[in-house]
Full PDB file with SEQRES, HELIX, SHEET, SSBOND, CRYST1, ORIGX, SCALE, CONECT and MASTER records, all heavy atoms in Angstrom:
SEQRES   1 A   38  VAL SER CYS VAL GLU GLN GLY ALA ILE ASP TRP ILE GLN          
SEQRES   2 A   38  LEU HIS GLY ASP GLU SER GLU ASP MET ILE ARG LYS LEU          
SEQRES   3 A   38  LYS GLU ARG LEU SER VAL PRO ILE LEU LYS ALA VAL              
HELIX    1 AA1 SER A    2  GLU A    5  1                                   4    
HELIX    2 AA2 GLU A   20  ARG A   29  1                                  10    
SHEET    1 AA1 2 ILE A  12  LEU A  14  0                                        
SHEET    2 AA1 2 ILE A  34  LYS A  36  1                                        
CRYST1    1.000    1.000    1.000  90.00  90.00  90.00 P 1           1          
ORIGX1      1.000000  0.000000  0.000000        0.00000                         
ORIGX2      0.000000  1.000000  0.000000        0.00000                         
ORIGX3      0.000000  0.000000  1.000000        0.00000                         
SCALE1      1.000000  0.000000  0.000000        0.00000                         
SCALE2      0.000000  1.000000  0.000000        0.00000                         
SCALE3      0.000000  0.000000  1.000000        0.00000                         
ATOM      1  N   VAL A   1      12.099  -2.894  23.024  1.00  0.00           N  
ATOM      2  CA  VAL A   1      11.339  -3.438  24.183  1.00  0.00           C  
ATOM      3  C   VAL A   1      11.907  -3.161  25.559  1.00  0.00           C  
ATOM      4  O   VAL A   1      11.178  -2.679  26.390  1.00  0.00           O  
ATOM      5  CB  VAL A   1      11.140  -5.009  24.029  1.00  0.00           C  
ATOM      6  CG1 VAL A   1      10.506  -5.597  25.335  1.00  0.00           C  
ATOM      7  CG2 VAL A   1      10.310  -5.387  22.864  1.00  0.00           C  
ATOM      8  N   SER A   2      13.181  -3.234  25.639  1.00  0.00           N  
ATOM      9  CA  SER A   2      13.921  -2.822  26.890  1.00  0.00           C  
ATOM     10  C   SER A   2      13.673  -1.410  27.198  1.00  0.00           C  
ATOM     11  O   SER A   2      13.469  -1.105  28.347  1.00  0.00           O  
ATOM     12  CB  SER A   2      15.393  -3.137  26.759  1.00  0.00           C  
ATOM     13  OG  SER A   2      16.097  -2.776  27.899  1.00  0.00           O  
ATOM     14  N   CYS A   3      13.743  -0.560  26.153  1.00  0.00           N  
ATOM     15  CA  CYS A   3      13.525   0.894  26.433  1.00  0.00           C  
ATOM     16  C   CYS A   3      12.087   1.220  27.064  1.00  0.00           C  
ATOM     17  O   CYS A   3      11.903   2.052  27.973  1.00  0.00           O  
ATOM     18  CB  CYS A   3      13.718   1.749  25.227  1.00  0.00           C  
ATOM     19  SG  CYS A   3      15.390   1.976  24.831  1.00  0.00           S  
ATOM     20  N   VAL A   4      11.174   0.490  26.500  1.00  0.00           N  
ATOM     21  CA  VAL A   4       9.823   0.572  27.007  1.00  0.00           C  
ATOM     22  C   VAL A   4       9.581   0.049  28.428  1.00  0.00           C  
ATOM     23  O   VAL A   4       9.129   0.659  29.329  1.00  0.00           O  
ATOM     24  CB  VAL A   4       8.767  -0.049  26.081  1.00  0.00           C  
ATOM     25  CG1 VAL A   4       7.313   0.001  26.672  1.00  0.00           C  
ATOM     26  CG2 VAL A   4       8.723   0.631  24.702  1.00  0.00           C  
ATOM     27  N   GLU A   5      10.088  -1.143  28.622  1.00  0.00           N  
ATOM     28  CA  GLU A   5       9.977  -1.918  29.836  1.00  0.00           C  
ATOM     29  C   GLU A   5      10.691  -1.194  31.019  1.00  0.00           C  
ATOM     30  O   GLU A   5      10.244  -1.266  32.182  1.00  0.00           O  
ATOM     31  CB  GLU A   5      10.394  -3.305  29.723  1.00  0.00           C  
ATOM     32  CG  GLU A   5       9.402  -4.096  28.904  1.00  0.00           C  
ATOM     33  CD  GLU A   5       9.788  -5.649  28.730  1.00  0.00           C  
ATOM     34  OE1 GLU A   5      11.026  -5.882  28.990  1.00  0.00           O  
ATOM     35  OE2 GLU A   5       9.004  -6.430  28.329  1.00  0.00           O  
ATOM     36  N   GLN A   6      11.834  -0.572  30.693  1.00  0.00           N  
ATOM     37  CA  GLN A   6      12.566   0.162  31.732  1.00  0.00           C  
ATOM     38  C   GLN A   6      12.084   1.571  32.011  1.00  0.00           C  
ATOM     39  O   GLN A   6      12.625   2.295  32.806  1.00  0.00           O  
ATOM     40  CB  GLN A   6      14.162   0.220  31.364  1.00  0.00           C  
ATOM     41  CG  GLN A   6      14.635  -1.171  31.459  1.00  0.00           C  
ATOM     42  CD  GLN A   6      16.152  -1.258  31.384  1.00  0.00           C  
ATOM     43  OE1 GLN A   6      16.793  -0.164  31.748  1.00  0.00           O  
ATOM     44  NE2 GLN A   6      16.687  -2.298  30.932  1.00  0.00           N  
ATOM     45  N   GLY A   7      11.017   2.023  31.319  1.00  0.00           N  
ATOM     46  CA  GLY A   7      10.327   3.321  31.545  1.00  0.00           C  
ATOM     47  C   GLY A   7      10.978   4.490  30.887  1.00  0.00           C  
ATOM     48  O   GLY A   7      10.871   5.658  31.333  1.00  0.00           O  
ATOM     49  N   ALA A   8      11.934   4.265  29.946  1.00  0.00           N  
ATOM     50  CA  ALA A   8      12.575   5.410  29.229  1.00  0.00           C  
ATOM     51  C   ALA A   8      11.606   6.058  28.315  1.00  0.00           C  
ATOM     52  O   ALA A   8      11.717   7.323  28.066  1.00  0.00           O  
ATOM     53  CB  ALA A   8      13.764   4.844  28.455  1.00  0.00           C  
ATOM     54  N   ILE A   9      10.633   5.364  27.804  1.00  0.00           N  
ATOM     55  CA  ILE A   9       9.702   5.964  26.758  1.00  0.00           C  
ATOM     56  C   ILE A   9       8.236   5.346  26.882  1.00  0.00           C  
ATOM     57  O   ILE A   9       8.086   4.311  27.537  1.00  0.00           O  
ATOM     58  CB  ILE A   9      10.193   5.610  25.270  1.00  0.00           C  
ATOM     59  CG1 ILE A   9      10.338   4.100  25.046  1.00  0.00           C  
ATOM     60  CG2 ILE A   9      11.465   6.407  25.040  1.00  0.00           C  
ATOM     61  CD1 ILE A   9      10.694   3.721  23.672  1.00  0.00           C  
ATOM     62  N   ASP A  10       7.349   6.118  26.374  1.00  0.00           N  
ATOM     63  CA  ASP A  10       5.920   5.725  26.355  1.00  0.00           C  
ATOM     64  C   ASP A  10       5.481   5.207  25.020  1.00  0.00           C  
ATOM     65  O   ASP A  10       4.609   4.262  24.939  1.00  0.00           O  
ATOM     66  CB  ASP A  10       5.068   6.920  26.770  1.00  0.00           C  
ATOM     67  CG  ASP A  10       5.463   7.567  27.998  1.00  0.00           C  
ATOM     68  OD1 ASP A  10       5.506   6.836  29.063  1.00  0.00           O  
ATOM     69  OD2 ASP A  10       5.774   8.761  28.007  1.00  0.00           O  
ATOM     70  N   TRP A  11       6.060   5.719  23.974  1.00  0.00           N  
ATOM     71  CA  TRP A  11       5.594   5.308  22.569  1.00  0.00           C  
ATOM     72  C   TRP A  11       6.885   5.112  21.719  1.00  0.00           C  
ATOM     73  O   TRP A  11       7.971   5.412  22.148  1.00  0.00           O  
ATOM     74  CB  TRP A  11       4.843   6.508  21.772  1.00  0.00           C  
ATOM     75  CG  TRP A  11       3.549   6.844  22.365  1.00  0.00           C  
ATOM     76  CD1 TRP A  11       2.937   6.624  23.574  1.00  0.00           C  
ATOM     77  CD2 TRP A  11       2.495   7.562  21.632  1.00  0.00           C  
ATOM     78  NE1 TRP A  11       1.742   7.128  23.596  1.00  0.00           N  
ATOM     79  CE2 TRP A  11       1.415   7.733  22.494  1.00  0.00           C  
ATOM     80  CE3 TRP A  11       2.500   8.128  20.291  1.00  0.00           C  
ATOM     81  CZ2 TRP A  11       0.230   8.410  22.018  1.00  0.00           C  
ATOM     82  CZ3 TRP A  11       1.341   8.821  19.851  1.00  0.00           C  
ATOM     83  CH2 TRP A  11       0.170   8.971  20.848  1.00  0.00           C  
ATOM     84  N   ILE A  12       6.735   4.344  20.671  1.00  0.00           N  
ATOM     85  CA  ILE A  12       7.793   3.900  19.861  1.00  0.00           C  
ATOM     86  C   ILE A  12       7.734   4.575  18.494  1.00  0.00           C  
ATOM     87  O   ILE A  12       6.675   4.632  17.820  1.00  0.00           O  
ATOM     88  CB  ILE A  12       7.836   2.420  19.553  1.00  0.00           C  
ATOM     89  CG1 ILE A  12       7.960   1.630  20.809  1.00  0.00           C  
ATOM     90  CG2 ILE A  12       8.771   1.923  18.457  1.00  0.00           C  
ATOM     91  CD1 ILE A  12       7.581   0.146  20.783  1.00  0.00           C  
ATOM     92  N   GLN A  13       8.844   5.120  17.969  1.00  0.00           N  
ATOM     93  CA  GLN A  13       8.934   5.686  16.619  1.00  0.00           C  
ATOM     94  C   GLN A  13       9.950   4.973  15.884  1.00  0.00           C  
ATOM     95  O   GLN A  13      11.220   5.021  16.252  1.00  0.00           O  
ATOM     96  CB  GLN A  13       9.331   7.233  16.714  1.00  0.00           C  
ATOM     97  CG  GLN A  13       9.469   7.892  15.475  1.00  0.00           C  
ATOM     98  CD  GLN A  13       9.752   9.410  15.615  1.00  0.00           C  
ATOM     99  OE1 GLN A  13       9.240  10.069  16.489  1.00  0.00           O  
ATOM    100  NE2 GLN A  13      10.603   9.977  14.750  1.00  0.00           N  
ATOM    101  N   LEU A  14       9.628   4.331  14.818  1.00  0.00           N  
ATOM    102  CA  LEU A  14      10.486   3.549  13.956  1.00  0.00           C  
ATOM    103  C   LEU A  14      10.794   4.439  12.819  1.00  0.00           C  
ATOM    104  O   LEU A  14      10.009   4.716  11.908  1.00  0.00           O  
ATOM    105  CB  LEU A  14       9.789   2.274  13.465  1.00  0.00           C  
ATOM    106  CG  LEU A  14       9.320   1.301  14.625  1.00  0.00           C  
ATOM    107  CD1 LEU A  14       8.591   0.121  14.015  1.00  0.00           C  
ATOM    108  CD2 LEU A  14      10.576   0.826  15.498  1.00  0.00           C  
ATOM    109  N   HIS A  15      12.107   4.763  12.695  1.00  0.00           N  
ATOM    110  CA  HIS A  15      12.486   5.761  11.710  1.00  0.00           C  
ATOM    111  C   HIS A  15      13.427   5.210  10.566  1.00  0.00           C  
ATOM    112  O   HIS A  15      14.133   5.947   9.905  1.00  0.00           O  
ATOM    113  CB  HIS A  15      13.143   6.941  12.388  1.00  0.00           C  
ATOM    114  CG  HIS A  15      12.874   8.317  11.764  1.00  0.00           C  
ATOM    115  ND1 HIS A  15      11.809   9.170  12.303  1.00  0.00           N  
ATOM    116  CD2 HIS A  15      13.442   8.877  10.654  1.00  0.00           C  
ATOM    117  CE1 HIS A  15      11.789  10.268  11.491  1.00  0.00           C  
ATOM    118  NE2 HIS A  15      12.703  10.125  10.494  1.00  0.00           N  
ATOM    119  N   GLY A  16      13.582   4.005  10.578  1.00  0.00           N  
ATOM    120  CA  GLY A  16      14.375   3.314   9.498  1.00  0.00           C  
ATOM    121  C   GLY A  16      13.656   2.578   8.449  1.00  0.00           C  
ATOM    122  O   GLY A  16      12.649   3.061   7.936  1.00  0.00           O  
ATOM    123  N   ASP A  17      14.183   1.355   8.135  1.00  0.00           N  
ATOM    124  CA  ASP A  17      13.504   0.493   7.094  1.00  0.00           C  
ATOM    125  C   ASP A  17      12.693  -0.536   7.686  1.00  0.00           C  
ATOM    126  O   ASP A  17      12.581  -1.660   7.139  1.00  0.00           O  
ATOM    127  CB  ASP A  17      14.659  -0.026   6.131  1.00  0.00           C  
ATOM    128  CG  ASP A  17      15.453   1.115   5.647  1.00  0.00           C  
ATOM    129  OD1 ASP A  17      15.002   2.016   5.043  1.00  0.00           O  
ATOM    130  OD2 ASP A  17      16.759   0.966   5.826  1.00  0.00           O  
ATOM    131  N   GLU A  18      12.151  -0.363   8.776  1.00  0.00           N  
ATOM    132  CA  GLU A  18      11.405  -1.490   9.622  1.00  0.00           C  
ATOM    133  C   GLU A  18      10.250  -1.913   8.734  1.00  0.00           C  
ATOM    134  O   GLU A  18       9.524  -1.129   8.181  1.00  0.00           O  
ATOM    135  CB  GLU A  18      11.008  -0.971  10.981  1.00  0.00           C  
ATOM    136  CG  GLU A  18      12.104  -0.606  11.901  1.00  0.00           C  
ATOM    137  CD  GLU A  18      12.618   0.803  11.728  1.00  0.00           C  
ATOM    138  OE1 GLU A  18      11.970   1.539  10.885  1.00  0.00           O  
ATOM    139  OE2 GLU A  18      13.597   1.181  12.385  1.00  0.00           O  
ATOM    140  N   SER A  19       9.952  -3.181   8.741  1.00  0.00           N  
ATOM    141  CA  SER A  19       8.916  -3.828   7.958  1.00  0.00           C  
ATOM    142  C   SER A  19       7.658  -3.948   8.814  1.00  0.00           C  
ATOM    143  O   SER A  19       7.619  -3.806  10.030  1.00  0.00           O  
ATOM    144  CB  SER A  19       9.347  -5.234   7.561  1.00  0.00           C  
ATOM    145  OG  SER A  19       9.533  -6.075   8.688  1.00  0.00           O  
ATOM    146  N   GLU A  20       6.546  -4.354   8.036  1.00  0.00           N  
ATOM    147  CA  GLU A  20       5.337  -4.728   8.729  1.00  0.00           C  
ATOM    148  C   GLU A  20       5.538  -5.891   9.722  1.00  0.00           C  
ATOM    149  O   GLU A  20       4.937  -5.878  10.750  1.00  0.00           O  
ATOM    150  CB  GLU A  20       4.300  -5.151   7.577  1.00  0.00           C  
ATOM    151  CG  GLU A  20       3.067  -5.785   8.160  1.00  0.00           C  
ATOM    152  CD  GLU A  20       2.110  -4.790   8.948  1.00  0.00           C  
ATOM    153  OE1 GLU A  20       2.391  -3.512   8.920  1.00  0.00           O  
ATOM    154  OE2 GLU A  20       1.199  -5.276   9.565  1.00  0.00           O  
ATOM    155  N   ASP A  21       6.429  -6.804   9.421  1.00  0.00           N  
ATOM    156  CA  ASP A  21       6.733  -7.939  10.252  1.00  0.00           C  
ATOM    157  C   ASP A  21       7.299  -7.471  11.559  1.00  0.00           C  
ATOM    158  O   ASP A  21       6.926  -7.861  12.718  1.00  0.00           O  
ATOM    159  CB  ASP A  21       7.656  -8.859   9.570  1.00  0.00           C  
ATOM    160  CG  ASP A  21       7.973 -10.108  10.421  1.00  0.00           C  
ATOM    161  OD1 ASP A  21       7.026 -10.803  10.854  1.00  0.00           O  
ATOM    162  OD2 ASP A  21       9.182 -10.390  10.720  1.00  0.00           O  
ATOM    163  N   MET A  22       8.131  -6.459  11.496  1.00  0.00           N  
ATOM    164  CA  MET A  22       8.764  -5.904  12.747  1.00  0.00           C  
ATOM    165  C   MET A  22       7.642  -5.190  13.596  1.00  0.00           C  
ATOM    166  O   MET A  22       7.631  -5.300  14.831  1.00  0.00           O  
ATOM    167  CB  MET A  22       9.815  -4.812  12.262  1.00  0.00           C  
ATOM    168  CG  MET A  22      10.379  -4.012  13.472  1.00  0.00           C  
ATOM    169  SD  MET A  22      11.621  -4.779  14.478  1.00  0.00           S  
ATOM    170  CE  MET A  22      12.551  -3.526  14.974  1.00  0.00           C  
ATOM    171  N   ILE A  23       6.897  -4.471  12.990  1.00  0.00           N  
ATOM    172  CA  ILE A  23       5.765  -3.758  13.687  1.00  0.00           C  
ATOM    173  C   ILE A  23       4.860  -4.709  14.371  1.00  0.00           C  
ATOM    174  O   ILE A  23       4.543  -4.625  15.573  1.00  0.00           O  
ATOM    175  CB  ILE A  23       4.901  -2.869  12.659  1.00  0.00           C  
ATOM    176  CG1 ILE A  23       5.737  -1.660  12.089  1.00  0.00           C  
ATOM    177  CG2 ILE A  23       3.687  -2.333  13.368  1.00  0.00           C  
ATOM    178  CD1 ILE A  23       5.052  -1.006  10.920  1.00  0.00           C  
ATOM    179  N   ARG A  24       4.529  -5.869  13.697  1.00  0.00           N  
ATOM    180  CA  ARG A  24       3.679  -6.889  14.271  1.00  0.00           C  
ATOM    181  C   ARG A  24       4.320  -7.567  15.478  1.00  0.00           C  
ATOM    182  O   ARG A  24       3.719  -7.829  16.536  1.00  0.00           O  
ATOM    183  CB  ARG A  24       3.315  -7.931  13.255  1.00  0.00           C  
ATOM    184  CG  ARG A  24       2.250  -7.335  12.230  1.00  0.00           C  
ATOM    185  CD  ARG A  24       1.670  -8.466  11.260  1.00  0.00           C  
ATOM    186  NE  ARG A  24       0.860  -7.832  10.298  1.00  0.00           N  
ATOM    187  CZ  ARG A  24      -0.450  -7.603  10.521  1.00  0.00           C  
ATOM    188  NH1 ARG A  24      -0.952  -7.922  11.765  1.00  0.00           N  
ATOM    189  NH2 ARG A  24      -1.120  -7.250   9.553  1.00  0.00           N  
ATOM    190  N   LYS A  25       5.624  -7.830  15.389  1.00  0.00           N  
ATOM    191  CA  LYS A  25       6.343  -8.488  16.384  1.00  0.00           C  
ATOM    192  C   LYS A  25       6.419  -7.569  17.663  1.00  0.00           C  
ATOM    193  O   LYS A  25       6.241  -8.007  18.785  1.00  0.00           O  
ATOM    194  CB  LYS A  25       7.800  -8.777  15.952  1.00  0.00           C  
ATOM    195  CG  LYS A  25       7.869 -10.049  15.099  1.00  0.00           C  
ATOM    196  CD  LYS A  25       9.347 -10.194  14.622  1.00  0.00           C  
ATOM    197  CE  LYS A  25       9.384 -11.528  13.823  1.00  0.00           C  
ATOM    198  NZ  LYS A  25      10.642 -11.786  13.150  1.00  0.00           N  
ATOM    199  N   LEU A  26       6.687  -6.356  17.480  1.00  0.00           N  
ATOM    200  CA  LEU A  26       6.503  -5.310  18.608  1.00  0.00           C  
ATOM    201  C   LEU A  26       5.213  -5.216  19.251  1.00  0.00           C  
ATOM    202  O   LEU A  26       5.074  -5.233  20.501  1.00  0.00           O  
ATOM    203  CB  LEU A  26       7.032  -3.931  18.086  1.00  0.00           C  
ATOM    204  CG  LEU A  26       8.538  -3.760  17.817  1.00  0.00           C  
ATOM    205  CD1 LEU A  26       8.800  -2.435  17.182  1.00  0.00           C  
ATOM    206  CD2 LEU A  26       9.332  -3.902  19.118  1.00  0.00           C  
ATOM    207  N   LYS A  27       4.103  -5.292  18.391  1.00  0.00           N  
ATOM    208  CA  LYS A  27       2.755  -5.260  18.938  1.00  0.00           C  
ATOM    209  C   LYS A  27       2.418  -6.537  19.721  1.00  0.00           C  
ATOM    210  O   LYS A  27       1.566  -6.409  20.659  1.00  0.00           O  
ATOM    211  CB  LYS A  27       1.783  -4.931  17.780  1.00  0.00           C  
ATOM    212  CG  LYS A  27       1.756  -3.567  17.241  1.00  0.00           C  
ATOM    213  CD  LYS A  27       0.682  -3.391  16.141  1.00  0.00           C  
ATOM    214  CE  LYS A  27       0.350  -1.974  15.972  1.00  0.00           C  
ATOM    215  NZ  LYS A  27      -0.343  -1.256  17.102  1.00  0.00           N  
ATOM    216  N   GLU A  28       3.012  -7.622  19.356  1.00  0.00           N  
ATOM    217  CA  GLU A  28       2.759  -8.823  20.068  1.00  0.00           C  
ATOM    218  C   GLU A  28       3.361  -8.819  21.461  1.00  0.00           C  
ATOM    219  O   GLU A  28       2.929  -9.373  22.408  1.00  0.00           O  
ATOM    220  CB  GLU A  28       3.401  -9.996  19.364  1.00  0.00           C  
ATOM    221  CG  GLU A  28       2.568 -10.495  18.115  1.00  0.00           C  
ATOM    222  CD  GLU A  28       3.353 -11.401  17.257  1.00  0.00           C  
ATOM    223  OE1 GLU A  28       4.444 -11.883  17.735  1.00  0.00           O  
ATOM    224  OE2 GLU A  28       2.838 -11.696  16.136  1.00  0.00           O  
ATOM    225  N   ARG A  29       4.473  -7.918  21.646  1.00  0.00           N  
ATOM    226  CA  ARG A  29       5.142  -7.899  22.917  1.00  0.00           C  
ATOM    227  C   ARG A  29       4.812  -6.666  23.854  1.00  0.00           C  
ATOM    228  O   ARG A  29       5.130  -6.684  25.046  1.00  0.00           O  
ATOM    229  CB  ARG A  29       6.659  -7.896  22.709  1.00  0.00           C  
ATOM    230  CG  ARG A  29       7.108  -9.246  21.937  1.00  0.00           C  
ATOM    231  CD  ARG A  29       8.586  -9.243  21.661  1.00  0.00           C  
ATOM    232  NE  ARG A  29       9.413  -9.241  22.908  1.00  0.00           N  
ATOM    233  CZ  ARG A  29      10.697  -9.281  22.860  1.00  0.00           C  
ATOM    234  NH1 ARG A  29      11.424  -9.295  21.739  1.00  0.00           N  
ATOM    235  NH2 ARG A  29      11.469  -9.252  23.976  1.00  0.00           N  
ATOM    236  N   LEU A  30       4.339  -5.626  23.125  1.00  0.00           N  
ATOM    237  CA  LEU A  30       4.043  -4.417  23.880  1.00  0.00           C  
ATOM    238  C   LEU A  30       2.658  -3.869  23.493  1.00  0.00           C  
ATOM    239  O   LEU A  30       2.193  -4.112  22.367  1.00  0.00           O  
ATOM    240  CB  LEU A  30       5.130  -3.353  23.484  1.00  0.00           C  
ATOM    241  CG  LEU A  30       6.610  -3.629  23.807  1.00  0.00           C  
ATOM    242  CD1 LEU A  30       7.522  -2.705  22.957  1.00  0.00           C  
ATOM    243  CD2 LEU A  30       6.855  -3.559  25.267  1.00  0.00           C  
ATOM    244  N   SER A  31       2.063  -3.095  24.388  1.00  0.00           N  
ATOM    245  CA  SER A  31       0.872  -2.414  24.143  1.00  0.00           C  
ATOM    246  C   SER A  31       0.962  -1.001  24.091  1.00  0.00           C  
ATOM    247  O   SER A  31       0.122  -0.282  24.676  1.00  0.00           O  
ATOM    248  CB  SER A  31      -0.238  -2.933  25.223  1.00  0.00           C  
ATOM    249  OG  SER A  31       0.204  -2.516  26.450  1.00  0.00           O  
ATOM    250  N   VAL A  32       1.974  -0.433  23.468  1.00  0.00           N  
ATOM    251  CA  VAL A  32       2.198   0.958  23.324  1.00  0.00           C  
ATOM    252  C   VAL A  32       2.015   1.411  21.795  1.00  0.00           C  
ATOM    253  O   VAL A  32       2.191   0.567  20.953  1.00  0.00           O  
ATOM    254  CB  VAL A  32       3.628   1.439  23.874  1.00  0.00           C  
ATOM    255  CG1 VAL A  32       3.677   0.936  25.313  1.00  0.00           C  
ATOM    256  CG2 VAL A  32       4.687   0.884  23.061  1.00  0.00           C  
ATOM    257  N   PRO A  33       1.599   2.586  21.642  1.00  0.00           N  
ATOM    258  CA  PRO A  33       1.495   3.092  20.182  1.00  0.00           C  
ATOM    259  C   PRO A  33       2.796   3.077  19.471  1.00  0.00           C  
ATOM    260  O   PRO A  33       3.887   3.366  20.073  1.00  0.00           O  
ATOM    261  CB  PRO A  33       0.958   4.546  20.341  1.00  0.00           C  
ATOM    262  CG  PRO A  33       0.276   4.578  21.715  1.00  0.00           C  
ATOM    263  CD  PRO A  33       1.136   3.671  22.622  1.00  0.00           C  
ATOM    264  N   ILE A  34       2.705   2.827  18.198  1.00  0.00           N  
ATOM    265  CA  ILE A  34       3.857   2.818  17.344  1.00  0.00           C  
ATOM    266  C   ILE A  34       3.674   3.756  16.119  1.00  0.00           C  
ATOM    267  O   ILE A  34       2.714   3.731  15.433  1.00  0.00           O  
ATOM    268  CB  ILE A  34       4.131   1.414  16.733  1.00  0.00           C  
ATOM    269  CG1 ILE A  34       4.475   0.349  17.965  1.00  0.00           C  
ATOM    270  CG2 ILE A  34       5.254   1.359  15.712  1.00  0.00           C  
ATOM    271  CD1 ILE A  34       4.612  -1.027  17.502  1.00  0.00           C  
ATOM    272  N   LEU A  35       4.669   4.575  15.889  1.00  0.00           N  
ATOM    273  CA  LEU A  35       4.739   5.484  14.720  1.00  0.00           C  
ATOM    274  C   LEU A  35       5.722   4.830  13.731  1.00  0.00           C  
ATOM    275  O   LEU A  35       6.751   4.382  14.147  1.00  0.00           O  
ATOM    276  CB  LEU A  35       5.315   6.908  15.143  1.00  0.00           C  
ATOM    277  CG  LEU A  35       4.451   7.963  15.637  1.00  0.00           C  
ATOM    278  CD1 LEU A  35       4.112   7.617  17.088  1.00  0.00           C  
ATOM    279  CD2 LEU A  35       5.196   9.288  15.618  1.00  0.00           C  
ATOM    280  N   LYS A  36       5.389   4.906  12.503  1.00  0.00           N  
ATOM    281  CA  LYS A  36       6.338   4.522  11.431  1.00  0.00           C  
ATOM    282  C   LYS A  36       6.707   5.715  10.576  1.00  0.00           C  
ATOM    283  O   LYS A  36       5.742   6.330   9.980  1.00  0.00           O  
ATOM    284  CB  LYS A  36       5.820   3.448  10.592  1.00  0.00           C  
ATOM    285  CG  LYS A  36       6.687   2.950   9.488  1.00  0.00           C  
ATOM    286  CD  LYS A  36       7.954   2.306  10.060  1.00  0.00           C  
ATOM    287  CE  LYS A  36       8.992   2.042   8.942  1.00  0.00           C  
ATOM    288  NZ  LYS A  36       9.820   3.113   8.572  1.00  0.00           N  
ATOM    289  N   ALA A  37       7.877   6.046  10.481  1.00  0.00           N  
ATOM    290  CA  ALA A  37       8.322   7.253   9.685  1.00  0.00           C  
ATOM    291  C   ALA A  37       8.379   6.830   8.232  1.00  0.00           C  
ATOM    292  O   ALA A  37       8.747   5.776   7.840  1.00  0.00           O  
ATOM    293  CB  ALA A  37       9.703   7.744  10.141  1.00  0.00           C  
ATOM    294  N   VAL A  38       7.944   7.804   7.333  1.00  0.00           N  
ATOM    295  CA  VAL A  38       7.974   7.581   5.926  1.00  0.00           C  
ATOM    296  C   VAL A  38       8.933   8.808   5.458  1.00  0.00           C  
ATOM    297  O   VAL A  38       8.762   9.922   5.642  1.00  0.00           O  
ATOM    298  CB  VAL A  38       6.651   7.824   5.287  1.00  0.00           C  
ATOM    299  CG1 VAL A  38       6.684   7.500   3.824  1.00  0.00           C  
ATOM    300  CG2 VAL A  38       5.642   7.012   5.936  1.00  0.00           C  
TER     301      VAL A  38                                                      
MASTER        0    0    0    2    2    0    0    6  300    1    0    3          
END                                                                             
C-alpha cells in the first residue's frame, strides 16, 4: 500500500504465495489493478 500511495508504482504484481484473502484486502484499500503470478 505504501509503494502505491507514495507514487512508486501504478499496478501491483503479487509473485509469491499470496492468497485470495490478501488480494481482497488490497482491493479494499486500493483501486489499482492487481496481477497474481502463477
